[in-house]
Amino acid sequence: MISKLGQVMVYVDDQDKAVKFWTQKVGFSVITNVGEDKGMRWIEIAPSKDPDTTIVLHDREVVSKMSPDLNLDTPSLMFYTNELEKLYADFKEKGVTVGELVNMPTGRVFNFADDEDNYFAVMEKLEK
């Protein structure tokens, strides 16, 4: 049986640019950076040093050559924060493309885009 979600694969055109975005603008950390000199490089990132789930940044072109039938579209990811307005202001200050703050039945949310125009969302999830 499946016990948890371990990794989410995100395929990017420029891994170095993607790492810079996720670490410098979003505040994630690099967990692993493997295979840089072997052609198949993957970079595992996460919002904390001991995450349950990580994002792995793969080179879209390399993966498409290895697996031409693989869907390389960006997954729809929803992140949680308990400081939505602070994060929203921080993203705007760092030049991250953000959408409007929206009230949803499940809480407030906004979208943001990485440097390759892949969109993600952040929802306010207050700690209990």
C-alpha atoms as a PDB file:
ATOM      1  CA  MET A   1       0.000   0.000   0.000  1.00  0.00           C
ATOM      2  CA  ILE A   2       1.095   3.577  -0.637  1.00  0.00           C
ATOM      3  CA  SER A   3       1.973   5.375   2.583  1.00  0.00           C
ATOM      4  CA  LYS A   4       2.858   8.899   1.389  1.00  0.00           C
ATOM      5  CA  LEU A   5       3.774  11.073  -1.581  1.00  0.00           C
ATOM      6  CA  GLY A   6       7.565  11.145  -1.833  1.00  0.00           C
ATOM      7  CA  GLN A   7       8.478  13.289  -4.841  1.00  0.00           C
ATOM      8  CA  VAL A   8       6.828  15.454  -7.461  1.00  0.00           C
ATOM      9  CA  MET A   9       8.640  15.704 -10.791  1.00  0.00           C
ATOM     10  CA  VAL A  10       8.785  19.155 -12.374  1.00  0.00           C
ATOM     11  CA  TYR A  11      10.307  19.353 -15.849  1.00  0.00           C
ATOM     12  CA  VAL A  12      12.103  22.620 -16.617  1.00  0.00           C
ATOM     13  CA  ASP A  13      14.026  24.095 -19.527  1.00  0.00           C
ATOM     14  CA  ASP A  14      16.851  25.525 -17.382  1.00  0.00           C
ATOM     15  CA  GLN A  15      17.612  23.647 -14.160  1.00  0.00           C
ATOM     16  CA  ASP A  16      20.058  26.246 -12.820  1.00  0.00           C
ATOM     17  CA  LYS A  17      17.570  29.066 -13.372  1.00  0.00           C
ATOM     18  CA  ALA A  18      14.837  26.961 -11.736  1.00  0.00           C
ATOM     19  CA  VAL A  19      17.004  26.237  -8.685  1.00  0.00           C
ATOM     20  CA  LYS A  20      17.781  29.931  -8.352  1.00  0.00           C
ATOM     21  CA  PHE A  21      14.060  30.779  -8.470  1.00  0.00           C
ATOM     22  CA  TRP A  22      13.016  28.158  -5.911  1.00  0.00           C
ATOM     23  CA  THR A  23      15.863  28.857  -3.484  1.00  0.00           C
ATOM     24  CA  GLN A  24      16.296  32.629  -3.749  1.00  0.00           C
ATOM     25  CA  LYS A  25      12.705  33.730  -4.340  1.00  0.00           C
ATOM     26  CA  VAL A  26      10.599  30.986  -2.731  1.00  0.00           C
ATOM     27  CA  GLY A  27      12.972  30.029   0.088  1.00  0.00           C
ATOM     28  CA  PHE A  28      13.330  26.303  -0.627  1.00  0.00           C
ATOM     29  CA  SER A  29      16.559  24.396   0.022  1.00  0.00           C
ATOM     30  CA  VAL A  30      18.429  22.006  -2.246  1.00  0.00           C
ATOM     31  CA  ILE A  31      18.254  18.536  -0.705  1.00  0.00           C
ATOM     32  CA  THR A  32      20.283  16.733  -3.396  1.00  0.00           C
ATOM     33  CA  ASN A  33      21.933  17.661  -6.693  1.00  0.00           C
ATOM     34  CA  VAL A  34      22.901  14.473  -8.500  1.00  0.00           C
ATOM     35  CA  GLY A  35      24.371  13.639 -11.882  1.00  0.00           C
ATOM     36  CA  GLU A  36      25.527  17.082 -12.921  1.00  0.00           C
ATOM     37  CA  ASP A  37      28.382  15.662 -14.981  1.00  0.00           C
ATOM     38  CA  LYS A  38      26.607  12.560 -16.308  1.00  0.00           C
ATOM     39  CA  GLY A  39      23.898  14.064 -18.557  1.00  0.00           C
ATOM     40  CA  MET A  40      20.935  13.011 -16.381  1.00  0.00           C
ATOM     41  CA  ARG A  41      20.849  15.546 -13.574  1.00  0.00           C
ATOM     42  CA  TRP A  42      18.120  15.866 -10.994  1.00  0.00           C
ATOM     43  CA  ILE A  43      17.850  18.453  -8.275  1.00  0.00           C
ATOM     44  CA  GLU A  44      15.683  17.725  -5.283  1.00  0.00           C
ATOM     45  CA  ILE A  45      14.283  20.783  -3.480  1.00  0.00           C
ATOM     46  CA  ALA A  46      11.949  21.298  -0.538  1.00  0.00           C
ATOM     47  CA  PRO A  47      10.662  23.990   1.809  1.00  0.00           C
ATOM     48  CA  SER A  48      12.420  22.367   4.778  1.00  0.00           C
ATOM     49  CA  LYS A  49      15.492  20.240   5.450  1.00  0.00           C
ATOM     50  CA  ASP A  50      13.477  17.160   6.510  1.00  0.00           C
ATOM     51  CA  PRO A  51      10.433  17.108   4.214  1.00  0.00           C
ATOM     52  CA  ASP A  52       7.861  14.398   3.670  1.00  0.00           C
ATOM     53  CA  THR A  53       7.574  15.371   0.002  1.00  0.00           C
ATOM     54  CA  THR A  54      10.137  16.973  -2.299  1.00  0.00           C
ATOM     55  CA  ILE A  55      10.129  18.487  -5.774  1.00  0.00           C
ATOM     56  CA  VAL A  56      12.635  17.105  -8.259  1.00  0.00           C
ATOM     57  CA  LEU A  57      13.669  19.480 -11.048  1.00  0.00           C
ATOM     58  CA  HIS A  58      14.420  17.502 -14.213  1.00  0.00           C
ATOM     59  CA  ASP A  59      15.742  18.771 -17.533  1.00  0.00           C
ATOM     60  CA  ARG A  60      12.746  18.642 -19.886  1.00  0.00           C
ATOM     61  CA  GLU A  61      14.849  18.081 -23.034  1.00  0.00           C
ATOM     62  CA  VAL A  62      16.902  15.216 -21.560  1.00  0.00           C
ATOM     63  CA  VAL A  63      13.827  13.446 -20.207  1.00  0.00           C
ATOM     64  CA  SER A  64      11.884  13.893 -23.455  1.00  0.00           C
ATOM     65  CA  LYS A  65      14.707  12.198 -25.389  1.00  0.00           C
ATOM     66  CA  MET A  66      14.776   9.283 -22.919  1.00  0.00           C
ATOM     67  CA  SER A  67      10.978   8.931 -22.709  1.00  0.00           C
ATOM     68  CA  PRO A  68       9.293  10.606 -25.701  1.00  0.00           C
ATOM     69  CA  ASP A  69       5.784   9.547 -24.633  1.00  0.00           C
ATOM     70  CA  LEU A  70       6.065  10.930 -21.098  1.00  0.00           C
ATOM     71  CA  ASN A  71       3.777  13.845 -20.206  1.00  0.00           C
ATOM     72  CA  LEU A  72       6.145  16.684 -19.296  1.00  0.00           C
ATOM     73  CA  ASP A  73       3.479  19.251 -18.420  1.00  0.00           C
ATOM     74  CA  THR A  74       3.808  21.102 -15.133  1.00  0.00           C
ATOM     75  CA  PRO A  75       1.784  19.518 -12.327  1.00  0.00           C
ATOM     76  CA  SER A  76      -0.773  21.645 -10.522  1.00  0.00           C
ATOM     77  CA  LEU A  77       0.747  22.111  -7.071  1.00  0.00           C
ATOM     78  CA  MET A  78      -0.900  23.690  -4.036  1.00  0.00           C
ATOM     79  CA  PHE A  79       1.414  24.839  -1.262  1.00  0.00           C
ATOM     80  CA  TYR A  80       0.295  25.777   2.260  1.00  0.00           C
ATOM     81  CA  THR A  81       1.347  28.671   4.465  1.00  0.00           C
ATOM     82  CA  ASN A  82       0.156  30.107   7.747  1.00  0.00           C
ATOM     83  CA  GLU A  83       1.465  33.566   6.742  1.00  0.00           C
ATOM     84  CA  LEU A  84      -0.279  34.189   3.417  1.00  0.00           C
ATOM     85  CA  GLU A  85      -0.136  37.987   3.353  1.00  0.00           C
ATOM     86  CA  LYS A  86       3.518  38.059   4.415  1.00  0.00           C
ATOM     87  CA  LEU A  87       4.443  35.501   1.724  1.00  0.00           C
ATOM     88  CA  TYR A  88       2.401  37.385  -0.878  1.00  0.00           C
ATOM     89  CA  ALA A  89       4.217  40.661  -0.070  1.00  0.00           C
ATOM     90  CA  ASP A  90       7.592  38.871  -0.053  1.00  0.00           C
ATOM     91  CA  PHE A  91       6.963  37.345  -3.489  1.00  0.00           C
ATOM     92  CA  LYS A  92       5.910  40.725  -4.903  1.00  0.00           C
ATOM     93  CA  GLU A  93       9.012  42.387  -3.419  1.00  0.00           C
ATOM     94  CA  LYS A  94      11.225  39.721  -5.042  1.00  0.00           C
ATOM     95  CA  GLY A  95       9.589  40.223  -8.448  1.00  0.00           C
ATOM     96  CA  VAL A  96       7.663  36.950  -8.521  1.00  0.00           C
ATOM     97  CA  THR A  97       4.586  37.083 -10.757  1.00  0.00           C
ATOM     98  CA  VAL A  98       1.591  36.703  -8.437  1.00  0.00           C
ATOM     99  CA  GLY A  99      -2.149  36.678  -8.977  1.00  0.00           C
ATOM    100  CA  GLU A 100      -4.729  38.329  -6.781  1.00  0.00           C
ATOM    101  CA  LEU A 101      -5.465  37.145  -3.253  1.00  0.00           C
ATOM    102  CA  VAL A 102      -8.749  35.255  -3.571  1.00  0.00           C
ATOM    103  CA  ASN A 103     -11.191  34.060  -0.933  1.00  0.00           C
ATOM    104  CA  MET A 104     -12.185  30.452  -1.559  1.00  0.00           C
ATOM    105  CA  PRO A 105     -14.525  28.258   0.504  1.00  0.00           C
ATOM    106  CA  THR A 106     -11.431  26.434   1.798  1.00  0.00           C
ATOM    107  CA  GLY A 107      -9.424  29.593   2.598  1.00  0.00           C
ATOM    108  CA  ARG A 108      -7.526  32.435   0.957  1.00  0.00           C
ATOM    109  CA  VAL A 109      -5.255  31.582  -1.961  1.00  0.00           C
ATOM    110  CA  PHE A 110      -3.063  33.154  -4.633  1.00  0.00           C
ATOM    111  CA  ASN A 111      -1.233  31.882  -7.709  1.00  0.00           C
ATOM    112  CA  PHE A 112       2.394  32.540  -8.561  1.00  0.00           C
ATOM    113  CA  ALA A 113       4.603  31.778 -11.556  1.00  0.00           C
ATOM    114  CA  ASP A 114       8.191  30.624 -11.774  1.00  0.00           C
ATOM    115  CA  ASP A 115      10.639  32.104 -14.296  1.00  0.00           C
ATOM    116  CA  GLU A 116       9.365  29.707 -17.014  1.00  0.00           C
ATOM    117  CA  ASP A 117       5.732  30.805 -16.522  1.00  0.00           C
ATOM    118  CA  ASN A 118       4.677  27.620 -14.755  1.00  0.00           C
ATOM    119  CA  TYR A 119       1.895  28.492 -12.309  1.00  0.00           C
ATOM    120  CA  PHE A 120       1.470  27.179  -8.775  1.00  0.00           C
ATOM    121  CA  ALA A 121      -0.812  28.151  -5.886  1.00  0.00           C
ATOM    122  CA  VAL A 122      -0.471  28.899  -2.189  1.00  0.00           C
ATOM    123  CA  MET A 123      -3.322  28.494   0.278  1.00  0.00           C
ATOM    124  CA  GLU A 124      -3.574  29.846   3.778  1.00  0.00           C
ATOM    125  CA  LYS A 125      -3.591  26.868   6.118  1.00  0.00           C
ATOM    126  CA  LEU A 126      -3.585  28.051   9.715  1.00  0.00           C
ATOM    127  CA  GLU A 127      -1.952  25.750  12.222  1.00  0.00           C
ATOM    128  CA  LYS A 128      -4.318  24.376  14.833  1.00  0.00           C
END
